[in-house]
Amino acid sequence: EKMLKFVRTQFIKSVSEPVLKILLDKLLDQGVITDDEMEPISGTAERADKARDLINTVRRKGTDASLALITALHEEDPFLSDKLFSDKKLE
């Protein structure tokens, strides 16, 4: 959760709409988020609001959920993942 809190603002600014959709699908498939949680996020009009809702929802679910989001982001957008999580301050 600390890692996601640390990169939250940059994630919101940087993640693309197509990557957000894939992250939502992956996290739903893995049981990290529920249909009830996914619907309001995917129905949000603004990309930044979707990103904000997603990261806030996952952070509240704890370490395993946060790790699932980080892993999915690394798989779908390695460039952004490296940009966000390669900082030594996270160690």
PDB file of N, CA and C in Angstrom:
ATOM      1  N   GLU A   1       0.820  -1.190   0.000  1.00  0.00           N
ATOM      2  CA  GLU A   1       0.000   0.000   0.000  1.00  0.00           C
ATOM      3  C   GLU A   1       0.859   1.247   0.000  1.00  0.00           C
ATOM      4  N   LYS A   2       1.995   1.178   0.699  1.00  0.00           N
ATOM      5  CA  LYS A   2       2.894   2.340   0.754  1.00  0.00           C
ATOM      6  C   LYS A   2       3.416   2.690  -0.629  1.00  0.00           C
ATOM      7  N   MET A   3       3.728   1.668  -1.416  1.00  0.00           N
ATOM      8  CA  MET A   3       4.233   1.923  -2.763  1.00  0.00           C
ATOM      9  C   MET A   3       3.177   2.620  -3.612  1.00  0.00           C
ATOM     10  N   LEU A   4       1.937   2.156  -3.538  1.00  0.00           N
ATOM     11  CA  LEU A   4       0.879   2.787  -4.320  1.00  0.00           C
ATOM     12  C   LEU A   4       0.601   4.207  -3.835  1.00  0.00           C
ATOM     13  N   LYS A   5       0.664   4.412  -2.535  1.00  0.00           N
ATOM     14  CA  LYS A   5       0.468   5.765  -2.009  1.00  0.00           C
ATOM     15  C   LYS A   5       1.558   6.692  -2.527  1.00  0.00           C
ATOM     16  N   PHE A   6       2.781   6.193  -2.566  1.00  0.00           N
ATOM     17  CA  PHE A   6       3.924   6.978  -3.015  1.00  0.00           C
ATOM     18  C   PHE A   6       3.798   7.386  -4.485  1.00  0.00           C
ATOM     19  N   VAL A   7       3.246   6.511  -5.327  1.00  0.00           N
ATOM     20  CA  VAL A   7       3.174   6.774  -6.776  1.00  0.00           C
ATOM     21  C   VAL A   7       1.781   7.203  -7.236  1.00  0.00           C
ATOM     22  N   ARG A   8       0.853   7.369  -6.313  1.00  0.00           N
ATOM     23  CA  ARG A   8      -0.550   7.629  -6.649  1.00  0.00           C
ATOM     24  C   ARG A   8      -0.735   8.780  -7.636  1.00  0.00           C
ATOM     25  N   THR A   9      -0.180   9.928  -7.329  1.00  0.00           N
ATOM     26  CA  THR A   9      -0.374  11.104  -8.182  1.00  0.00           C
ATOM     27  C   THR A   9       0.183  10.879  -9.574  1.00  0.00           C
ATOM     28  N   GLN A  10       1.366  10.295  -9.660  1.00  0.00           N
ATOM     29  CA  GLN A  10       1.972  10.054 -10.971  1.00  0.00           C
ATOM     30  C   GLN A  10       1.193   8.994 -11.757  1.00  0.00           C
ATOM     31  N   PHE A  11       0.686   7.981 -11.085  1.00  0.00           N
ATOM     32  CA  PHE A  11      -0.150   6.972 -11.730  1.00  0.00           C
ATOM     33  C   PHE A  11      -1.385   7.633 -12.338  1.00  0.00           C
ATOM     34  N   ILE A  12      -2.050   8.474 -11.562  1.00  0.00           N
ATOM     35  CA  ILE A  12      -3.259   9.150 -12.033  1.00  0.00           C
ATOM     36  C   ILE A  12      -2.954  10.007 -13.258  1.00  0.00           C
ATOM     37  N   LYS A  13      -1.837  10.689 -13.244  1.00  0.00           N
ATOM     38  CA  LYS A  13      -1.457  11.560 -14.366  1.00  0.00           C
ATOM     39  C   LYS A  13      -1.042  10.780 -15.604  1.00  0.00           C
ATOM     40  N   SER A  14      -0.486   9.584 -15.424  1.00  0.00           N
ATOM     41  CA  SER A  14       0.230   8.922 -16.513  1.00  0.00           C
ATOM     42  C   SER A  14      -0.446   7.718 -17.149  1.00  0.00           C
ATOM     43  N   VAL A  15      -1.262   6.987 -16.417  1.00  0.00           N
ATOM     44  CA  VAL A  15      -1.809   5.742 -16.968  1.00  0.00           C
ATOM     45  C   VAL A  15      -2.808   6.060 -18.086  1.00  0.00           C
ATOM     46  N   SER A  16      -2.742   5.286 -19.147  1.00  0.00           N
ATOM     47  CA  SER A  16      -3.617   5.516 -20.301  1.00  0.00           C
ATOM     48  C   SER A  16      -4.970   4.827 -20.111  1.00  0.00           C
ATOM     49  N   GLU A  17      -5.948   5.289 -20.860  1.00  0.00           N
ATOM     50  CA  GLU A  17      -7.295   4.692 -20.821  1.00  0.00           C
ATOM     51  C   GLU A  17      -7.272   3.208 -21.207  1.00  0.00           C
ATOM     52  N   PRO A  18      -6.585   2.826 -22.307  1.00  0.00           N
ATOM     53  CA  PRO A  18      -6.564   1.392 -22.650  1.00  0.00           C
ATOM     54  C   PRO A  18      -5.930   0.526 -21.560  1.00  0.00           C
ATOM     55  N   VAL A  19      -4.875   1.007 -20.937  1.00  0.00           N
ATOM     56  CA  VAL A  19      -4.230   0.245 -19.865  1.00  0.00           C
ATOM     57  C   VAL A  19      -5.162   0.152 -18.659  1.00  0.00           C
ATOM     58  N   LEU A  20      -5.848   1.225 -18.338  1.00  0.00           N
ATOM     59  CA  LEU A  20      -6.808   1.189 -17.230  1.00  0.00           C
ATOM     60  C   LEU A  20      -7.862   0.105 -17.437  1.00  0.00           C
ATOM     61  N   LYS A  21      -8.387   0.012 -18.641  1.00  0.00           N
ATOM     62  CA  LYS A  21      -9.410  -0.995 -18.936  1.00  0.00           C
ATOM     63  C   LYS A  21      -8.865  -2.403 -18.743  1.00  0.00           C
ATOM     64  N   ILE A  22      -7.643  -2.636 -19.197  1.00  0.00           N
ATOM     65  CA  ILE A  22      -7.024  -3.958 -19.032  1.00  0.00           C
ATOM     66  C   ILE A  22      -6.780  -4.244 -17.556  1.00  0.00           C
ATOM     67  N   LEU A  23      -6.305  -3.247 -16.810  1.00  0.00           N
ATOM     68  CA  LEU A  23      -6.069  -3.439 -15.376  1.00  0.00           C
ATOM     69  C   LEU A  23      -7.366  -3.802 -14.658  1.00  0.00           C
ATOM     70  N   LEU A  24      -8.439  -3.104 -14.987  1.00  0.00           N
ATOM     71  CA  LEU A  24      -9.736  -3.420 -14.380  1.00  0.00           C
ATOM     72  C   LEU A  24     -10.138  -4.860 -14.679  1.00  0.00           C
ATOM     73  N   ASP A  25      -9.991  -5.282 -15.934  1.00  0.00           N
ATOM     74  CA  ASP A  25     -10.351  -6.654 -16.306  1.00  0.00           C
ATOM     75  C   ASP A  25      -9.496  -7.675 -15.572  1.00  0.00           C
ATOM     76  N   LYS A  26      -8.192  -7.437 -15.519  1.00  0.00           N
ATOM     77  CA  LYS A  26      -7.293  -8.379 -14.839  1.00  0.00           C
ATOM     78  C   LYS A  26      -7.615  -8.478 -13.351  1.00  0.00           C
ATOM     79  N   LEU A  27      -7.817  -7.342 -12.719  1.00  0.00           N
ATOM     80  CA  LEU A  27      -8.096  -7.348 -11.281  1.00  0.00           C
ATOM     81  C   LEU A  27      -9.449  -7.981 -10.979  1.00  0.00           C
ATOM     82  N   LEU A  28     -10.408  -7.806 -11.868  1.00  0.00           N
ATOM     83  CA  LEU A  28     -11.692  -8.480 -11.717  1.00  0.00           C
ATOM     84  C   LEU A  28     -11.524  -9.988 -11.867  1.00  0.00           C
ATOM     85  N   ASP A  29     -10.799 -10.409 -12.901  1.00  0.00           N
ATOM     86  CA  ASP A  29     -10.556 -11.844 -13.128  1.00  0.00           C
ATOM     87  C   ASP A  29      -9.852 -12.495 -11.946  1.00  0.00           C
ATOM     88  N   GLN A  30      -8.960 -11.754 -11.290  1.00  0.00           N
ATOM     89  CA  GLN A  30      -8.194 -12.293 -10.152  1.00  0.00           C
ATOM     90  C   GLN A  30      -8.959 -12.207  -8.836  1.00  0.00           C
ATOM     91  N   GLY A  31     -10.115 -11.575  -8.860  1.00  0.00           N
ATOM     92  CA  GLY A  31     -10.904 -11.441  -7.640  1.00  0.00           C
ATOM     93  C   GLY A  31     -10.426 -10.326  -6.716  1.00  0.00           C
ATOM     94  N   VAL A  32      -9.568  -9.466  -7.226  1.00  0.00           N
ATOM     95  CA  VAL A  32      -9.073  -8.349  -6.420  1.00  0.00           C
ATOM     96  C   VAL A  32     -10.168  -7.304  -6.246  1.00  0.00           C
ATOM     97  N   ILE A  33     -10.910  -7.057  -7.323  1.00  0.00           N
ATOM     98  CA  ILE A  33     -12.073  -6.172  -7.239  1.00  0.00           C
ATOM     99  C   ILE A  33     -13.311  -6.971  -7.646  1.00  0.00           C
ATOM    100  N   THR A  34     -14.448  -6.500  -7.204  1.00  0.00           N
ATOM    101  CA  THR A  34     -15.718  -7.166  -7.517  1.00  0.00           C
ATOM    102  C   THR A  34     -16.423  -6.439  -8.657  1.00  0.00           C
ATOM    103  N   ASP A  35     -17.456  -7.068  -9.179  1.00  0.00           N
ATOM    104  CA  ASP A  35     -18.278  -6.412 -10.199  1.00  0.00           C
ATOM    105  C   ASP A  35     -18.848  -5.098  -9.665  1.00  0.00           C
ATOM    106  N   ASP A  36     -19.283  -5.129  -8.413  1.00  0.00           N
ATOM    107  CA  ASP A  36     -19.863  -3.926  -7.806  1.00  0.00           C
ATOM    108  C   ASP A  36     -18.845  -2.794  -7.694  1.00  0.00           C
ATOM    109  N   GLU A  37     -17.584  -3.133  -7.498  1.00  0.00           N
ATOM    110  CA  GLU A  37     -16.540  -2.105  -7.428  1.00  0.00           C
ATOM    111  C   GLU A  37     -16.107  -1.654  -8.818  1.00  0.00           C
ATOM    112  N   MET A  38     -16.140  -2.576  -9.770  1.00  0.00           N
ATOM    113  CA  MET A  38     -15.681  -2.258 -11.118  1.00  0.00           C
ATOM    114  C   MET A  38     -16.643  -1.326 -11.853  1.00  0.00           C
ATOM    115  N   GLU A  39     -17.930  -1.560 -11.707  1.00  0.00           N
ATOM    116  CA  GLU A  39     -18.927  -0.792 -12.466  1.00  0.00           C
ATOM    117  C   GLU A  39     -18.799   0.718 -12.296  1.00  0.00           C
ATOM    118  N   PRO A  40     -18.714   1.239 -11.070  1.00  0.00           N
ATOM    119  CA  PRO A  40     -18.591   2.695 -10.949  1.00  0.00           C
ATOM    120  C   PRO A  40     -17.273   3.229 -11.523  1.00  0.00           C
ATOM    121  N   ILE A  41     -16.206   2.444 -11.386  1.00  0.00           N
ATOM    122  CA  ILE A  41     -14.911   2.882 -11.911  1.00  0.00           C
ATOM    123  C   ILE A  41     -14.960   2.944 -13.432  1.00  0.00           C
ATOM    124  N   SER A  42     -15.432   1.868 -14.060  1.00  0.00           N
ATOM    125  CA  SER A  42     -15.451   1.836 -15.520  1.00  0.00           C
ATOM    126  C   SER A  42     -16.476   2.791 -16.098  1.00  0.00           C
ATOM    127  N   GLY A  43     -17.494   3.163 -15.302  1.00  0.00           N
ATOM    128  CA  GLY A  43     -18.511   4.092 -15.774  1.00  0.00           C
ATOM    129  C   GLY A  43     -18.119   5.555 -15.640  1.00  0.00           C
ATOM    130  N   THR A  44     -17.024   5.816 -14.962  1.00  0.00           N
ATOM    131  CA  THR A  44     -16.550   7.190 -14.783  1.00  0.00           C
ATOM    132  C   THR A  44     -16.063   7.734 -16.116  1.00  0.00           C
ATOM    133  N   ALA A  45     -16.435   8.950 -16.426  1.00  0.00           N
ATOM    134  CA  ALA A  45     -16.131   9.526 -17.739  1.00  0.00           C
ATOM    135  C   ALA A  45     -14.652   9.897 -17.906  1.00  0.00           C
ATOM    136  N   GLU A  46     -14.077  10.499 -16.925  1.00  0.00           N
ATOM    137  CA  GLU A  46     -12.710  11.012 -17.049  1.00  0.00           C
ATOM    138  C   GLU A  46     -11.671   9.943 -16.713  1.00  0.00           C
ATOM    139  N   ARG A  47     -10.645   9.858 -17.549  1.00  0.00           N
ATOM    140  CA  ARG A  47      -9.571   8.894 -17.354  1.00  0.00           C
ATOM    141  C   ARG A  47      -8.920   9.060 -15.985  1.00  0.00           C
ATOM    142  N   ALA A  48      -8.601  10.294 -15.615  1.00  0.00           N
ATOM    143  CA  ALA A  48      -7.934  10.537 -14.335  1.00  0.00           C
ATOM    144  C   ALA A  48      -8.815  10.096 -13.163  1.00  0.00           C
ATOM    145  N   ASP A  49     -10.118  10.307 -13.269  1.00  0.00           N
ATOM    146  CA  ASP A  49     -11.019   9.870 -12.201  1.00  0.00           C
ATOM    147  C   ASP A  49     -11.069   8.346 -12.103  1.00  0.00           C
ATOM    148  N   LYS A  50     -11.026   7.670 -13.248  1.00  0.00           N
ATOM    149  CA  LYS A  50     -10.972   6.202 -13.239  1.00  0.00           C
ATOM    150  C   LYS A  50      -9.702   5.725 -12.545  1.00  0.00           C
ATOM    151  N   ALA A  51      -8.589   6.338 -12.908  1.00  0.00           N
ATOM    152  CA  ALA A  51      -7.308   5.952 -12.311  1.00  0.00           C
ATOM    153  C   ALA A  51      -7.323   6.190 -10.807  1.00  0.00           C
ATOM    154  N   ARG A  52      -7.860   7.324 -10.401  1.00  0.00           N
ATOM    155  CA  ARG A  52      -7.947   7.670  -8.976  1.00  0.00           C
ATOM    156  C   ARG A  52      -8.821   6.664  -8.236  1.00  0.00           C
ATOM    157  N   ASP A  53      -9.986   6.355  -8.789  1.00  0.00           N
ATOM    158  CA  ASP A  53     -10.892   5.395  -8.152  1.00  0.00           C
ATOM    159  C   ASP A  53     -10.260   4.008  -8.061  1.00  0.00           C
ATOM    160  N   LEU A  54      -9.584   3.595  -9.118  1.00  0.00           N
ATOM    161  CA  LEU A  54      -8.957   2.274  -9.116  1.00  0.00           C
ATOM    162  C   LEU A  54      -7.872   2.178  -8.051  1.00  0.00           C
ATOM    163  N   ILE A  55      -6.959   3.124  -8.044  1.00  0.00           N
ATOM    164  CA  ILE A  55      -5.841   3.033  -7.095  1.00  0.00           C
ATOM    165  C   ILE A  55      -6.333   3.169  -5.656  1.00  0.00           C
ATOM    166  N   ASN A  56      -7.335   4.013  -5.416  1.00  0.00           N
ATOM    167  CA  ASN A  56      -7.876   4.143  -4.061  1.00  0.00           C
ATOM    168  C   ASN A  56      -8.562   2.859  -3.608  1.00  0.00           C
ATOM    169  N   THR A  57      -9.334   2.249  -4.496  1.00  0.00           N
ATOM    170  CA  THR A  57     -10.021   0.997  -4.174  1.00  0.00           C
ATOM    171  C   THR A  57      -9.026  -0.100  -3.841  1.00  0.00           C
ATOM    172  N   VAL A  58      -8.001  -0.237  -4.664  1.00  0.00           N
ATOM    173  CA  VAL A  58      -7.014  -1.298  -4.458  1.00  0.00           C
ATOM    174  C   VAL A  58      -6.194  -1.043  -3.199  1.00  0.00           C
ATOM    175  N   ARG A  59      -5.784   0.187  -2.965  1.00  0.00           N
ATOM    176  CA  ARG A  59      -4.990   0.499  -1.762  1.00  0.00           C
ATOM    177  C   ARG A  59      -5.734   0.120  -0.487  1.00  0.00           C
ATOM    178  N   ARG A  60      -7.035   0.363  -0.456  1.00  0.00           N
ATOM    179  CA  ARG A  60      -7.832   0.044   0.742  1.00  0.00           C
ATOM    180  C   ARG A  60      -7.895  -1.459   1.005  1.00  0.00           C
ATOM    181  N   LYS A  61      -7.626  -2.267  -0.001  1.00  0.00           N
ATOM    182  CA  LYS A  61      -7.727  -3.721   0.131  1.00  0.00           C
ATOM    183  C   LYS A  61      -6.448  -4.362   0.658  1.00  0.00           C
ATOM    184  N   GLY A  62      -5.383  -3.583   0.791  1.00  0.00           N
ATOM    185  CA  GLY A  62      -4.186  -4.106   1.430  1.00  0.00           C
ATOM    186  C   GLY A  62      -3.072  -4.508   0.486  1.00  0.00           C
ATOM    187  N   THR A  63      -2.115  -5.191   1.069  1.00  0.00           N
ATOM    188  CA  THR A  63      -0.855  -5.506   0.394  1.00  0.00           C
ATOM    189  C   THR A  63      -1.037  -6.436  -0.799  1.00  0.00           C
ATOM    190  N   ASP A  64      -1.798  -7.505  -0.641  1.00  0.00           N
ATOM    191  CA  ASP A  64      -1.958  -8.459  -1.746  1.00  0.00           C
ATOM    192  C   ASP A  64      -2.635  -7.805  -2.947  1.00  0.00           C
ATOM    193  N   ALA A  65      -3.652  -7.013  -2.700  1.00  0.00           N
ATOM    194  CA  ALA A  65      -4.348  -6.323  -3.791  1.00  0.00           C
ATOM    195  C   ALA A  65      -3.419  -5.301  -4.450  1.00  0.00           C
ATOM    196  N   SER A  66      -2.663  -4.591  -3.637  1.00  0.00           N
ATOM    197  CA  SER A  66      -1.724  -3.603  -4.171  1.00  0.00           C
ATOM    198  C   SER A  66      -0.677  -4.277  -5.051  1.00  0.00           C
ATOM    199  N   LEU A  67      -0.168  -5.404  -4.592  1.00  0.00           N
ATOM    200  CA  LEU A  67       0.811  -6.144  -5.374  1.00  0.00           C
ATOM    201  C   LEU A  67       0.210  -6.640  -6.685  1.00  0.00           C
ATOM    202  N   ALA A  68      -1.042  -7.057  -6.657  1.00  0.00           N
ATOM    203  CA  ALA A  68      -1.709  -7.504  -7.887  1.00  0.00           C
ATOM    204  C   ALA A  68      -1.803  -6.365  -8.903  1.00  0.00           C
ATOM    205  N   LEU A  69      -2.118  -5.160  -8.445  1.00  0.00           N
ATOM    206  CA  LEU A  69      -2.181  -4.007  -9.347  1.00  0.00           C
ATOM    207  C   LEU A  69      -0.803  -3.685  -9.899  1.00  0.00           C
ATOM    208  N   ILE A  70       0.200  -3.687  -9.052  1.00  0.00           N
ATOM    209  CA  ILE A  70       1.567  -3.395  -9.497  1.00  0.00           C
ATOM    210  C   ILE A  70       2.020  -4.418 -10.533  1.00  0.00           C
ATOM    211  N   THR A  71       1.743  -5.688 -10.292  1.00  0.00           N
ATOM    212  CA  THR A  71       2.121  -6.754 -11.222  1.00  0.00           C
ATOM    213  C   THR A  71       1.395  -6.600 -12.548  1.00  0.00           C
ATOM    214  N   ALA A  72       0.098  -6.338 -12.498  1.00  0.00           N
ATOM    215  CA  ALA A  72      -0.681  -6.162 -13.727  1.00  0.00           C
ATOM    216  C   ALA A  72      -0.191  -4.948 -14.512  1.00  0.00           C
ATOM    217  N   LEU A  73       0.130  -3.875 -13.828  1.00  0.00           N
ATOM    218  CA  LEU A  73       0.642  -2.684 -14.509  1.00  0.00           C
ATOM    219  C   LEU A  73       1.978  -2.988 -15.177  1.00  0.00           C
ATOM    220  N   HIS A  74       2.828  -3.729 -14.487  1.00  0.00           N
ATOM    221  CA  HIS A  74       4.131  -4.086 -15.068  1.00  0.00           C
ATOM    222  C   HIS A  74       3.955  -4.928 -16.333  1.00  0.00           C
ATOM    223  N   GLU A  75       2.987  -5.813 -16.329  1.00  0.00           N
ATOM    224  CA  GLU A  75       2.733  -6.658 -17.502  1.00  0.00           C
ATOM    225  C   GLU A  75       2.177  -5.844 -18.671  1.00  0.00           C
ATOM    226  N   GLU A  76       1.314  -4.889 -18.391  1.00  0.00           N
ATOM    227  CA  GLU A  76       0.621  -4.149 -19.448  1.00  0.00           C
ATOM    228  C   GLU A  76       1.343  -2.890 -19.901  1.00  0.00           C
ATOM    229  N   ASP A  77       2.071  -2.246 -19.011  1.00  0.00           N
ATOM    230  CA  ASP A  77       2.798  -1.027 -19.364  1.00  0.00           C
ATOM    231  C   ASP A  77       4.121  -1.003 -18.611  1.00  0.00           C
ATOM    232  N   PRO A  78       5.088  -1.808 -19.085  1.00  0.00           N
ATOM    233  CA  PRO A  78       6.363  -1.893 -18.381  1.00  0.00           C
ATOM    234  C   PRO A  78       7.080  -0.543 -18.276  1.00  0.00           C
ATOM    235  N   PHE A  79       6.924   0.298 -19.280  1.00  0.00           N
ATOM    236  CA  PHE A  79       7.581   1.602 -19.248  1.00  0.00           C
ATOM    237  C   PHE A  79       7.059   2.435 -18.070  1.00  0.00           C
ATOM    238  N   LEU A  80       5.743   2.538 -17.938  1.00  0.00           N
ATOM    239  CA  LEU A  80       5.167   3.297 -16.830  1.00  0.00           C
ATOM    240  C   LEU A  80       5.497   2.638 -15.498  1.00  0.00           C
ATOM    241  N   SER A  81       5.422   1.333 -15.444  1.00  0.00           N
ATOM    242  CA  SER A  81       5.744   0.612 -14.217  1.00  0.00           C
ATOM    243  C   SER A  81       7.169   0.904 -13.764  1.00  0.00           C
ATOM    244  N   ASP A  82       8.104   0.848 -14.695  1.00  0.00           N
ATOM    245  CA  ASP A  82       9.495   1.147 -14.350  1.00  0.00           C
ATOM    246  C   ASP A  82       9.648   2.587 -13.885  1.00  0.00           C
ATOM    247  N   LYS A  83       8.955   3.486 -14.542  1.00  0.00           N
ATOM    248  CA  LYS A  83       9.007   4.901 -14.175  1.00  0.00           C
ATOM    249  C   LYS A  83       8.487   5.115 -12.750  1.00  0.00           C
ATOM    250  N   LEU A  84       7.420   4.423 -12.406  1.00  0.00           N
ATOM    251  CA  LEU A  84       6.809   4.609 -11.097  1.00  0.00           C
ATOM    252  C   LEU A  84       7.534   3.882  -9.973  1.00  0.00           C
ATOM    253  N   PHE A  85       7.973   2.651 -10.240  1.00  0.00           N
ATOM    254  CA  PHE A  85       8.419   1.785  -9.151  1.00  0.00           C
ATOM    255  C   PHE A  85       9.914   1.517  -9.090  1.00  0.00           C
ATOM    256  N   SER A  86      10.692   2.114  -9.959  1.00  0.00           N
ATOM    257  CA  SER A  86      12.131   1.843  -9.913  1.00  0.00           C
ATOM    258  C   SER A  86      12.856   2.777  -8.953  1.00  0.00           C
ATOM    259  N   ASP A  87      12.144   3.712  -8.346  1.00  0.00           N
ATOM    260  CA  ASP A  87      12.743   4.672  -7.432  1.00  0.00           C
ATOM    261  C   ASP A  87      13.251   3.963  -6.181  1.00  0.00           C
ATOM    262  N   LYS A  88      14.475   4.244  -5.802  1.00  0.00           N
ATOM    263  CA  LYS A  88      15.083   3.606  -4.640  1.00  0.00           C
ATOM    264  C   LYS A  88      14.390   3.972  -3.328  1.00  0.00           C
ATOM    265  N   LYS A  89      13.615   5.055  -3.303  1.00  0.00           N
ATOM    266  CA  LYS A  89      12.907   5.453  -2.092  1.00  0.00           C
ATOM    267  C   LYS A  89      11.878   4.410  -1.675  1.00  0.00           C
ATOM    268  N   LEU A  90      11.503   3.539  -2.594  1.00  0.00           N
ATOM    269  CA  LEU A  90      10.485   2.546  -2.287  1.00  0.00           C
ATOM    270  C   LEU A  90      11.027   1.373  -1.478  1.00  0.00           C
ATOM    271  N   GLU A  91      12.315   1.266  -1.388  1.00  0.00           N
ATOM    272  CA  GLU A  91      12.904   0.114  -0.690  1.00  0.00           C
ATOM    273  C   GLU A  91      12.877   0.298   0.811  1.00  0.00           C
TER     274      GLU A  91
END
